């Protein structure tokens, strides 16, 4: 290496929150490998993607809790659904698994980033405040447990 710092990969949709952007870039790169990975490696790749998603969601949820993000419960619920859907294909032929990773999982992640993550990032950066969430009817954390 010539001493120059290596540039960090950029996500497709930067949000301006380093933890989110770095995790999203890493996850997008893993998903992109689904298009070219050998058939025999697809199941292992999907498992690695699901693990990365799970770890990312844990980090993101910790950040949201630390900043008292008012939409945490909605965001958390979608994380849970995304993980369930990503794991869903079971035993399918390689072409179906490749499609699941490269199209379905990719679209679910992109949709999440463009919706809930964008709103969350705006809150974390101070661009919107708690009043923006006044119309939400979210469960109270710890209620009913």
C-alpha atoms as a PDB file:
ATOM      1  CA  UNK A   1       0.000   0.000   0.000  1.00  0.00           C
ATOM      2  CA  UNK A   2       1.299   3.472  -0.827  1.00  0.00           C
ATOM      3  CA  UNK A   3       0.349   4.965   2.549  1.00  0.00           C
ATOM      4  CA  UNK A   4      -2.875   6.515   1.282  1.00  0.00           C
ATOM      5  CA  UNK A   5      -5.922   5.698   3.363  1.00  0.00           C
ATOM      6  CA  UNK A   6      -8.258   3.208   1.778  1.00  0.00           C
ATOM      7  CA  UNK A   7     -11.663   4.732   1.089  1.00  0.00           C
ATOM      8  CA  UNK A   8     -14.573   3.167   2.942  1.00  0.00           C
ATOM      9  CA  UNK A   9     -17.236   1.686   0.703  1.00  0.00           C
ATOM     10  CA  UNK A  10     -20.251   3.944   0.263  1.00  0.00           C
ATOM     11  CA  UNK A  11     -23.799   2.633   0.480  1.00  0.00           C
ATOM     12  CA  UNK A  12     -26.196   3.077  -2.433  1.00  0.00           C
ATOM     13  CA  UNK A  13     -28.263   5.494  -0.339  1.00  0.00           C
ATOM     14  CA  UNK A  14     -26.069   7.337   2.193  1.00  0.00           C
ATOM     15  CA  UNK A  15     -27.987   8.568   5.229  1.00  0.00           C
ATOM     16  CA  UNK A  16     -25.261  10.573   6.952  1.00  0.00           C
ATOM     17  CA  UNK A  17     -25.135   8.359  10.067  1.00  0.00           C
ATOM     18  CA  UNK A  18     -21.766   6.552  10.013  1.00  0.00           C
ATOM     19  CA  UNK A  19     -22.915   3.357  11.761  1.00  0.00           C
ATOM     20  CA  UNK A  20     -25.845   2.972   9.375  1.00  0.00           C
ATOM     21  CA  UNK A  21     -23.890   3.901   6.241  1.00  0.00           C
ATOM     22  CA  UNK A  22     -20.969   1.575   6.996  1.00  0.00           C
ATOM     23  CA  UNK A  23     -23.253  -1.336   7.851  1.00  0.00           C
ATOM     24  CA  UNK A  24     -25.437  -0.741   4.781  1.00  0.00           C
ATOM     25  CA  UNK A  25     -22.411  -0.650   2.456  1.00  0.00           C
ATOM     26  CA  UNK A  26     -21.150  -3.952   3.889  1.00  0.00           C
ATOM     27  CA  UNK A  27     -24.602  -5.569   3.599  1.00  0.00           C
ATOM     28  CA  UNK A  28     -25.113  -4.310   0.032  1.00  0.00           C
ATOM     29  CA  UNK A  29     -21.742  -5.760  -0.999  1.00  0.00           C
ATOM     30  CA  UNK A  30     -22.716  -9.138   0.455  1.00  0.00           C
ATOM     31  CA  UNK A  31     -26.071  -9.107  -1.339  1.00  0.00           C
ATOM     32  CA  UNK A  32     -24.391  -8.132  -4.620  1.00  0.00           C
ATOM     33  CA  UNK A  33     -22.252 -11.289  -4.380  1.00  0.00           C
ATOM     34  CA  UNK A  34     -25.467 -13.290  -4.800  1.00  0.00           C
ATOM     35  CA  UNK A  35     -25.461 -12.513  -8.529  1.00  0.00           C
ATOM     36  CA  UNK A  36     -22.086 -14.150  -9.155  1.00  0.00           C
ATOM     37  CA  UNK A  37     -21.502 -16.595  -6.300  1.00  0.00           C
ATOM     38  CA  UNK A  38     -21.161 -20.241  -7.324  1.00  0.00           C
ATOM     39  CA  UNK A  39     -24.340 -22.261  -6.830  1.00  0.00           C
ATOM     40  CA  UNK A  40     -22.766 -24.310  -4.022  1.00  0.00           C
ATOM     41  CA  UNK A  41     -21.977 -21.129  -2.049  1.00  0.00           C
ATOM     42  CA  UNK A  42     -25.443 -19.536  -2.127  1.00  0.00           C
ATOM     43  CA  UNK A  43     -26.861 -21.128   1.026  1.00  0.00           C
ATOM     44  CA  UNK A  44     -23.789 -20.136   3.018  1.00  0.00           C
ATOM     45  CA  UNK A  45     -23.964 -16.613   1.552  1.00  0.00           C
ATOM     46  CA  UNK A  46     -27.612 -16.263   2.569  1.00  0.00           C
ATOM     47  CA  UNK A  47     -26.760 -17.399   6.098  1.00  0.00           C
ATOM     48  CA  UNK A  48     -23.950 -14.820   6.236  1.00  0.00           C
ATOM     49  CA  UNK A  49     -26.316 -12.086   4.978  1.00  0.00           C
ATOM     50  CA  UNK A  50     -28.919 -12.963   7.616  1.00  0.00           C
ATOM     51  CA  UNK A  51     -26.228 -12.911  10.326  1.00  0.00           C
ATOM     52  CA  UNK A  52     -24.949  -9.524   9.101  1.00  0.00           C
ATOM     53  CA  UNK A  53     -28.505  -8.155   9.023  1.00  0.00           C
ATOM     54  CA  UNK A  54     -29.112  -9.387  12.569  1.00  0.00           C
ATOM     55  CA  UNK A  55     -25.896  -7.844  13.889  1.00  0.00           C
ATOM     56  CA  UNK A  56     -26.595  -4.589  12.032  1.00  0.00           C
ATOM     57  CA  UNK A  57     -30.110  -4.427  13.475  1.00  0.00           C
ATOM     58  CA  UNK A  58     -28.727  -4.930  16.997  1.00  0.00           C
ATOM     59  CA  UNK A  59     -26.267  -2.055  16.543  1.00  0.00           C
ATOM     60  CA  UNK A  60     -28.907   0.174  14.976  1.00  0.00           C
ATOM     61  CA  UNK A  61     -31.476  -0.573  17.699  1.00  0.00           C
ATOM     62  CA  UNK A  62     -28.894   0.217  20.389  1.00  0.00           C
ATOM     63  CA  UNK A  63     -28.254   3.577  18.700  1.00  0.00           C
ATOM     64  CA  UNK A  64     -31.993   4.297  18.434  1.00  0.00           C
ATOM     65  CA  UNK A  65     -32.534   3.463  22.110  1.00  0.00           C
ATOM     66  CA  UNK A  66     -29.613   5.664  23.154  1.00  0.00           C
ATOM     67  CA  UNK A  67     -31.158   8.588  21.241  1.00  0.00           C
ATOM     68  CA  UNK A  68     -34.725   7.820  22.458  1.00  0.00           C
ATOM     69  CA  UNK A  69     -35.996   7.443  18.893  1.00  0.00           C
ATOM     70  CA  UNK A  70     -39.818   7.686  19.087  1.00  0.00           C
ATOM     71  CA  UNK A  71     -40.378   5.264  16.185  1.00  0.00           C
ATOM     72  CA  UNK A  72     -38.278   2.490  17.709  1.00  0.00           C
ATOM     73  CA  UNK A  73     -41.121  -0.027  18.014  1.00  0.00           C
ATOM     74  CA  UNK A  74     -42.167   0.324  14.356  1.00  0.00           C
ATOM     75  CA  UNK A  75     -38.559   0.122  13.235  1.00  0.00           C
ATOM     76  CA  UNK A  76     -37.854  -2.872  15.471  1.00  0.00           C
ATOM     77  CA  UNK A  77     -40.949  -4.682  14.136  1.00  0.00           C
ATOM     78  CA  UNK A  78     -39.752  -4.250  10.569  1.00  0.00           C
ATOM     79  CA  UNK A  79     -36.296  -5.555  11.495  1.00  0.00           C
ATOM     80  CA  UNK A  80     -37.962  -8.702  12.827  1.00  0.00           C
ATOM     81  CA  UNK A  81     -40.023  -9.116   9.637  1.00  0.00           C
ATOM     82  CA  UNK A  82     -37.005  -8.551   7.394  1.00  0.00           C
ATOM     83  CA  UNK A  83     -35.053 -11.275   9.169  1.00  0.00           C
ATOM     84  CA  UNK A  84     -37.990 -13.700   8.946  1.00  0.00           C
ATOM     85  CA  UNK A  85     -38.427 -13.019   5.227  1.00  0.00           C
ATOM     86  CA  UNK A  86     -34.706 -13.256   4.469  1.00  0.00           C
ATOM     87  CA  UNK A  87     -34.551 -16.701   6.134  1.00  0.00           C
ATOM     88  CA  UNK A  88     -37.702 -17.965   4.423  1.00  0.00           C
ATOM     89  CA  UNK A  89     -36.698 -19.784   1.218  1.00  0.00           C
ATOM     90  CA  UNK A  90     -35.765 -23.090   2.811  1.00  0.00           C
ATOM     91  CA  UNK A  91     -34.476 -25.662   0.353  1.00  0.00           C
ATOM     92  CA  UNK A  92     -34.837 -24.337  -3.175  1.00  0.00           C
ATOM     93  CA  UNK A  93     -32.871 -24.838  -6.373  1.00  0.00           C
ATOM     94  CA  UNK A  94     -29.831 -22.568  -6.852  1.00  0.00           C
ATOM     95  CA  UNK A  95     -31.608 -20.274  -9.343  1.00  0.00           C
ATOM     96  CA  UNK A  96     -34.403 -19.636  -6.840  1.00  0.00           C
ATOM     97  CA  UNK A  97     -31.952 -18.998  -4.014  1.00  0.00           C
ATOM     98  CA  UNK A  98     -29.940 -16.630  -6.212  1.00  0.00           C
ATOM     99  CA  UNK A  99     -33.159 -14.753  -7.065  1.00  0.00           C
ATOM    100  CA  UNK A 100     -34.119 -14.652  -3.372  1.00  0.00           C
ATOM    101  CA  UNK A 101     -30.809 -13.013  -2.452  1.00  0.00           C
ATOM    102  CA  UNK A 102     -30.255 -10.792  -5.486  1.00  0.00           C
ATOM    103  CA  UNK A 103     -33.799  -9.584  -5.951  1.00  0.00           C
ATOM    104  CA  UNK A 104     -36.053 -10.219  -2.957  1.00  0.00           C
ATOM    105  CA  UNK A 105     -33.628  -9.595  -0.081  1.00  0.00           C
ATOM    106  CA  UNK A 106     -31.999  -6.737  -2.016  1.00  0.00           C
ATOM    107  CA  UNK A 107     -35.374  -5.034  -2.580  1.00  0.00           C
ATOM    108  CA  UNK A 108     -36.497  -5.535   1.030  1.00  0.00           C
ATOM    109  CA  UNK A 109     -33.281  -4.001   2.364  1.00  0.00           C
ATOM    110  CA  UNK A 110     -33.411  -1.090  -0.086  1.00  0.00           C
ATOM    111  CA  UNK A 111     -37.060  -0.385   0.775  1.00  0.00           C
ATOM    112  CA  UNK A 112     -36.216  -0.402   4.485  1.00  0.00           C
ATOM    113  CA  UNK A 113     -33.304   1.990   3.990  1.00  0.00           C
ATOM    114  CA  UNK A 114     -35.384   4.383   1.872  1.00  0.00           C
ATOM    115  CA  UNK A 115     -38.254   4.477   4.367  1.00  0.00           C
ATOM    116  CA  UNK A 116     -37.682   3.723   8.046  1.00  0.00           C
ATOM    117  CA  UNK A 117     -33.913   4.183   8.013  1.00  0.00           C
ATOM    118  CA  UNK A 118     -34.236   7.538   6.239  1.00  0.00           C
ATOM    119  CA  UNK A 119     -36.680   8.818   8.873  1.00  0.00           C
ATOM    120  CA  UNK A 120     -34.559   7.400  11.679  1.00  0.00           C
ATOM    121  CA  UNK A 121     -31.400   9.032  10.304  1.00  0.00           C
ATOM    122  CA  UNK A 122     -33.208  12.369  10.009  1.00  0.00           C
ATOM    123  CA  UNK A 123     -34.181  12.114  13.680  1.00  0.00           C
ATOM    124  CA  UNK A 124     -30.680  11.051  14.771  1.00  0.00           C
ATOM    125  CA  UNK A 125     -29.169  14.009  12.878  1.00  0.00           C
ATOM    126  CA  UNK A 126     -31.656  16.452  14.442  1.00  0.00           C
ATOM    127  CA  UNK A 127     -33.445  17.222  11.178  1.00  0.00           C
ATOM    128  CA  UNK A 128     -36.811  16.190  12.623  1.00  0.00           C
ATOM    129  CA  UNK A 129     -37.900  16.112  16.238  1.00  0.00           C
ATOM    130  CA  UNK A 130     -40.068  14.087  18.534  1.00  0.00           C
ATOM    131  CA  UNK A 131     -43.141  16.130  17.566  1.00  0.00           C
ATOM    132  CA  UNK A 132     -42.971  14.562  14.097  1.00  0.00           C
ATOM    133  CA  UNK A 133     -44.024  11.292  15.729  1.00  0.00           C
ATOM    134  CA  UNK A 134     -46.956  12.595  17.790  1.00  0.00           C
ATOM    135  CA  UNK A 135     -49.526  10.925  15.522  1.00  0.00           C
ATOM    136  CA  UNK A 136     -48.043   7.463  16.003  1.00  0.00           C
ATOM    137  CA  UNK A 137     -49.763   5.072  18.341  1.00  0.00           C
ATOM    138  CA  UNK A 138     -46.879   2.937  19.436  1.00  0.00           C
ATOM    139  CA  UNK A 139     -46.942   0.380  22.248  1.00  0.00           C
ATOM    140  CA  UNK A 140     -45.294   1.560  25.424  1.00  0.00           C
ATOM    141  CA  UNK A 141     -42.067  -0.330  26.021  1.00  0.00           C
ATOM    142  CA  UNK A 142     -42.478  -2.867  28.803  1.00  0.00           C
ATOM    143  CA  UNK A 143     -46.278  -2.642  28.836  1.00  0.00           C
ATOM    144  CA  UNK A 144     -48.026  -5.967  29.080  1.00  0.00           C
ATOM    145  CA  UNK A 145     -44.922  -7.869  30.104  1.00  0.00           C
END
